[in-house]
Amino acid sequence: MIQFHNVFKRYESGHEALQNVSFNLKEGEMAFLTGHSGAGKSTLLKLIMRMEVATRGQVNIDGINLNQLARRHVPFLRRKIGVVFQDHQLLYDRSVYENVALPLVIEGMEPQDIGRRVRAALDKVGLLSKEKLTPIMLSGGEQQRIGIARAVVNKPPILLADEPTGNLDPQLSSEIMQLFRQFNAVGVTVLIASHDLDLISRMGLRMMELSQGGLTRSGVPA
């Protein structure tokens, strides 16, 4: 589902964010991406979303070679990918419902279908009763759940998360990770960038570690 083959990423400043990274994340697999600040985690996720393009090597997403993907086709690629951010990136002047509905509105989906999809997503993350509230009225953990609902509302086959528990306490972090496990259980491919090694080790899933832009370890922690 996600394949990196000898991928390098060098920015115009000369900084080499990724060096010779290769891995294969299978369809329906869930894994973690770890590493120190500046190790290249966010750059790797941006390559998957086609926000950046590899300098050398090849990135394939669901059989699509991103190096050869025309710019006009990038929006269609991104419909396959749900993204959860650490800082939520919610619209605080809109309701919970409107925030989650946004990707479907952009796609031009019919209002009736939008309502069904949004309420199903909110129910999945336990926030159906709060659809009329604004995000500012909710806790940090609840805001993160809104971000997850928005990421999965169009049922993407791939779900990415960039430090989704970075601002949460251990109990909330564990609850958020269990939500990702639930989506993975129904076949969604999940890749989570996180520095929370204690939490990752308890999950018992594959961990890929980046250091200075290179992939130094890949496997299930002992």
Protein backbone atom coordinates (compact mmCIF):
# COMPACT_ATOMS: atom_id res chain seq x y z
CA MET A 1 0.00 0.00 0.00
CA ILE A 2 2.88 2.37 0.91
CA GLN A 3 6.26 1.65 -0.68
CA PHE A 4 9.50 3.62 -0.42
CA HIS A 5 12.41 2.43 -2.56
CA ASN A 6 15.81 4.08 -1.95
CA VAL A 7 14.17 7.46 -1.27
CA PHE A 8 16.21 10.62 -0.73
CA LYS A 9 14.83 14.08 -0.03
CA ARG A 10 17.13 17.10 -0.22
CA TYR A 11 15.72 20.62 0.24
CA GLU A 12 16.96 23.66 -1.66
CA SER A 13 18.81 24.77 1.47
CA GLY A 14 20.99 21.67 1.08
CA HIS A 15 19.48 19.86 4.07
CA GLU A 16 19.04 16.17 3.32
CA ALA A 17 15.92 15.20 5.26
CA LEU A 18 15.77 11.57 4.08
CA GLN A 19 18.60 9.32 2.97
CA ASN A 20 18.10 6.02 1.16
CA VAL A 21 14.84 5.09 2.91
CA SER A 22 13.17 1.83 1.85
CA PHE A 23 10.18 0.06 3.39
CA ASN A 24 6.87 -1.54 2.46
CA LEU A 25 3.70 -1.03 4.50
CA LYS A 26 1.17 -3.63 3.43
CA GLU A 27 -2.53 -3.02 2.90
CA GLY A 28 -4.31 -3.20 6.25
CA GLU A 29 -1.09 -2.88 8.28
CA MET A 30 -0.60 -0.46 11.19
CA ALA A 31 2.86 0.83 12.08
CA PHE A 32 4.65 3.61 13.94
CA LEU A 33 7.30 6.01 12.71
CA THR A 34 9.66 7.23 15.43
CA GLY A 35 12.84 9.27 15.74
CA HIS A 36 14.31 12.40 17.26
CA SER A 37 13.09 15.87 16.33
CA GLY A 38 14.35 16.59 12.83
CA ALA A 39 14.87 12.92 12.00
CA GLY A 40 12.65 13.18 8.92
CA LYS A 41 9.28 11.90 10.16
CA SER A 42 7.20 14.83 8.91
CA THR A 43 9.06 14.89 5.59
CA LEU A 44 8.27 11.21 5.07
CA LEU A 45 4.57 11.82 5.70
CA LYS A 46 4.61 14.80 3.33
CA LEU A 47 6.03 12.58 0.58
CA ILE A 48 3.12 10.17 1.05
CA MET A 49 0.65 13.06 0.75
CA ARG A 50 2.57 14.44 -2.25
CA MET A 51 3.15 17.72 -0.41
CA GLU A 52 6.82 17.09 -1.23
CA VAL A 53 8.47 15.07 -4.02
CA ALA A 54 11.42 12.73 -3.56
CA THR A 55 14.76 14.01 -4.87
CA ARG A 56 15.81 10.45 -5.71
CA GLY A 57 14.18 7.05 -5.38
CA GLN A 58 10.56 6.05 -5.76
CA VAL A 59 7.41 6.45 -3.64
CA ASN A 60 4.39 4.29 -4.52
CA ILE A 61 1.00 4.70 -2.88
CA ASP A 62 -1.67 2.11 -3.68
CA GLY A 63 0.19 1.27 -6.88
CA ILE A 64 0.63 4.90 -7.94
CA ASN A 65 4.16 6.14 -8.63
CA LEU A 66 4.12 9.59 -7.01
CA ASN A 67 7.27 10.67 -8.83
CA GLN A 68 5.31 10.52 -12.10
CA LEU A 69 1.96 11.78 -10.79
CA ALA A 70 0.70 14.83 -12.66
CA ARG A 71 -0.21 17.80 -10.49
CA ARG A 72 -3.83 17.68 -11.64
CA HIS A 73 -4.13 14.16 -10.20
CA VAL A 74 -2.81 15.03 -6.73
CA PRO A 75 -6.29 15.90 -5.32
CA PHE A 76 -7.53 12.44 -6.32
CA LEU A 77 -4.57 10.83 -4.55
CA ARG A 78 -5.30 12.78 -1.39
CA ARG A 79 -8.85 11.45 -1.29
CA LYS A 80 -7.26 8.09 -0.52
CA ILE A 81 -5.45 9.51 2.50
CA GLY A 82 -6.86 10.73 5.80
CA VAL A 83 -4.53 12.91 7.88
CA VAL A 84 -4.60 13.66 11.61
CA PHE A 85 -2.44 16.52 12.92
CA GLN A 86 -1.09 17.18 16.41
CA ASP A 87 -2.58 20.67 16.52
CA HIS A 88 -5.96 19.50 15.14
CA GLN A 89 -6.16 22.28 12.48
CA LEU A 90 -9.86 22.79 13.17
CA LEU A 91 -12.00 25.76 12.18
CA TYR A 92 -13.06 27.32 15.47
CA ASP A 93 -15.80 29.46 13.92
CA ARG A 94 -17.55 26.34 12.62
CA SER A 95 -19.46 23.63 14.46
CA VAL A 96 -18.12 20.14 15.09
CA TYR A 97 -20.45 18.89 12.35
CA GLU A 98 -19.20 21.48 9.85
CA ASN A 99 -15.56 20.67 10.60
CA VAL A 100 -16.05 16.97 9.96
CA ALA A 101 -18.18 17.61 6.87
CA LEU A 102 -15.60 19.85 5.19
CA PRO A 103 -13.85 17.16 3.06
CA LEU A 104 -17.20 15.93 1.77
CA VAL A 105 -18.40 19.45 0.96
CA ILE A 106 -15.20 20.01 -1.03
CA GLU A 107 -15.86 16.78 -2.93
CA GLY A 108 -19.36 18.03 -3.82
CA MET A 109 -21.25 15.25 -2.05
CA GLU A 110 -25.03 15.58 -1.65
CA PRO A 111 -26.12 17.05 1.74
CA GLN A 112 -28.10 13.94 2.68
CA ASP A 113 -25.07 11.73 2.12
CA ILE A 114 -22.87 14.19 3.98
CA GLY A 115 -25.14 14.04 7.02
CA ARG A 116 -25.06 10.25 7.08
CA ARG A 117 -21.28 10.07 6.73
CA VAL A 118 -20.57 12.81 9.28
CA ARG A 119 -22.81 11.36 11.96
CA ALA A 120 -21.38 7.87 11.43
CA ALA A 121 -17.84 9.27 11.87
CA LEU A 122 -18.79 11.27 14.97
CA ASP A 123 -20.50 8.23 16.46
CA LYS A 124 -17.33 6.19 15.87
CA VAL A 125 -15.23 8.64 17.91
CA GLY A 126 -17.90 9.12 20.58
CA LEU A 127 -18.88 12.71 19.80
CA LEU A 128 -22.24 12.36 18.08
CA SER A 129 -24.01 14.26 20.86
CA LYS A 130 -21.70 17.28 20.40
CA GLU A 131 -22.12 17.94 16.67
CA LYS A 132 -23.68 21.38 17.21
CA LEU A 133 -20.94 22.66 19.53
CA THR A 134 -17.87 24.57 18.39
CA PRO A 135 -14.43 22.98 18.90
CA ILE A 136 -13.38 25.65 21.40
CA MET A 137 -16.07 24.28 23.75
CA LEU A 138 -14.42 20.86 23.85
CA SER A 139 -11.36 19.42 25.58
CA GLY A 140 -8.06 18.77 23.82
CA GLY A 141 -8.80 15.06 23.61
CA GLU A 142 -12.22 15.73 22.13
CA GLN A 143 -10.74 18.13 19.59
CA GLN A 144 -8.30 15.42 18.53
CA ARG A 145 -11.26 13.07 18.08
CA ILE A 146 -12.88 15.65 15.79
CA GLY A 147 -9.69 15.65 13.74
CA ILE A 148 -9.82 11.86 13.49
CA ALA A 149 -13.49 11.91 12.48
CA ARG A 150 -12.71 14.44 9.74
CA ALA A 151 -9.79 12.31 8.52
CA VAL A 152 -11.92 9.16 8.14
CA VAL A 153 -15.26 10.65 7.08
CA ASN A 154 -14.69 9.87 3.39
CA LYS A 155 -13.50 6.34 4.24
CA PRO A 156 -9.92 6.59 2.95
CA PRO A 157 -7.90 3.36 2.69
CA ILE A 158 -4.86 5.09 4.26
CA LEU A 159 -4.76 7.02 7.55
CA LEU A 160 -1.70 9.08 8.54
CA ALA A 161 -1.16 10.78 11.89
CA ASP A 162 1.62 13.22 12.81
CA GLU A 163 2.20 13.20 16.59
CA PRO A 164 -1.54 12.79 17.30
CA THR A 165 -1.03 12.37 21.07
CA GLY A 166 1.73 14.96 21.56
CA ASN A 167 -0.45 17.32 23.59
CA LEU A 168 -2.45 14.71 25.50
CA ASP A 169 -1.99 13.01 28.86
CA PRO A 170 -1.20 9.25 28.98
CA GLN A 171 -4.81 8.13 29.48
CA LEU A 172 -6.12 10.20 26.56
CA SER A 173 -3.16 9.14 24.43
CA SER A 174 -4.03 5.50 24.99
CA GLU A 175 -7.68 6.14 24.09
CA ILE A 176 -6.69 7.88 20.85
CA MET A 177 -4.40 5.00 19.89
CA GLN A 178 -7.22 2.54 20.47
CA LEU A 179 -9.33 4.54 18.02
CA PHE A 180 -6.62 4.08 15.40
CA ARG A 181 -6.61 0.35 16.18
CA GLN A 182 -10.36 0.23 15.56
CA PHE A 183 -10.00 1.79 12.12
CA ASN A 184 -7.11 -0.53 11.34
CA ALA A 185 -9.26 -3.50 12.37
CA VAL A 186 -11.63 -2.79 9.47
CA GLY A 187 -8.81 -2.74 6.92
CA VAL A 188 -7.48 0.82 6.99
CA THR A 189 -3.70 1.09 6.55
CA VAL A 190 -2.40 3.26 9.41
CA LEU A 191 0.98 5.00 9.82
CA ILE A 192 1.53 7.11 12.94
CA ALA A 193 4.53 9.36 13.57
CA SER A 194 5.15 9.54 17.32
CA HIS A 195 7.97 10.03 19.82
CA ASP A 196 6.03 8.32 22.65
CA LEU A 197 8.14 5.15 22.85
CA ASP A 198 6.44 3.85 26.00
CA LEU A 199 3.02 3.97 24.35
CA ILE A 200 4.34 2.47 21.12
CA SER A 201 5.99 -0.43 22.91
CA ARG A 202 2.71 -1.30 24.61
CA MET A 203 0.91 -1.47 21.26
CA GLY A 204 3.02 -4.41 20.09
CA LEU A 205 3.10 -3.25 16.47
CA ARG A 206 5.82 -2.59 13.92
CA MET A 207 8.03 0.40 14.63
CA MET A 208 10.22 2.13 12.05
CA GLU A 209 12.90 4.39 13.50
CA LEU A 210 14.48 7.30 11.63
CA SER A 211 17.79 8.86 12.62
CA GLN A 212 19.45 11.69 10.68
CA GLY A 213 17.15 10.94 7.76
CA GLY A 214 17.96 7.24 7.55
CA LEU A 215 15.83 4.25 8.54
CA THR A 216 17.80 2.55 11.31
CA ARG A 217 15.31 0.00 12.62
CA SER A 218 12.10 -1.67 11.49
CA GLY A 219 10.26 -4.32 13.48
CA VAL A 220 8.11 -5.09 16.53
CA PRO A 221 9.76 -3.87 19.76
CA ALA A 222 10.92 -6.69 22.05
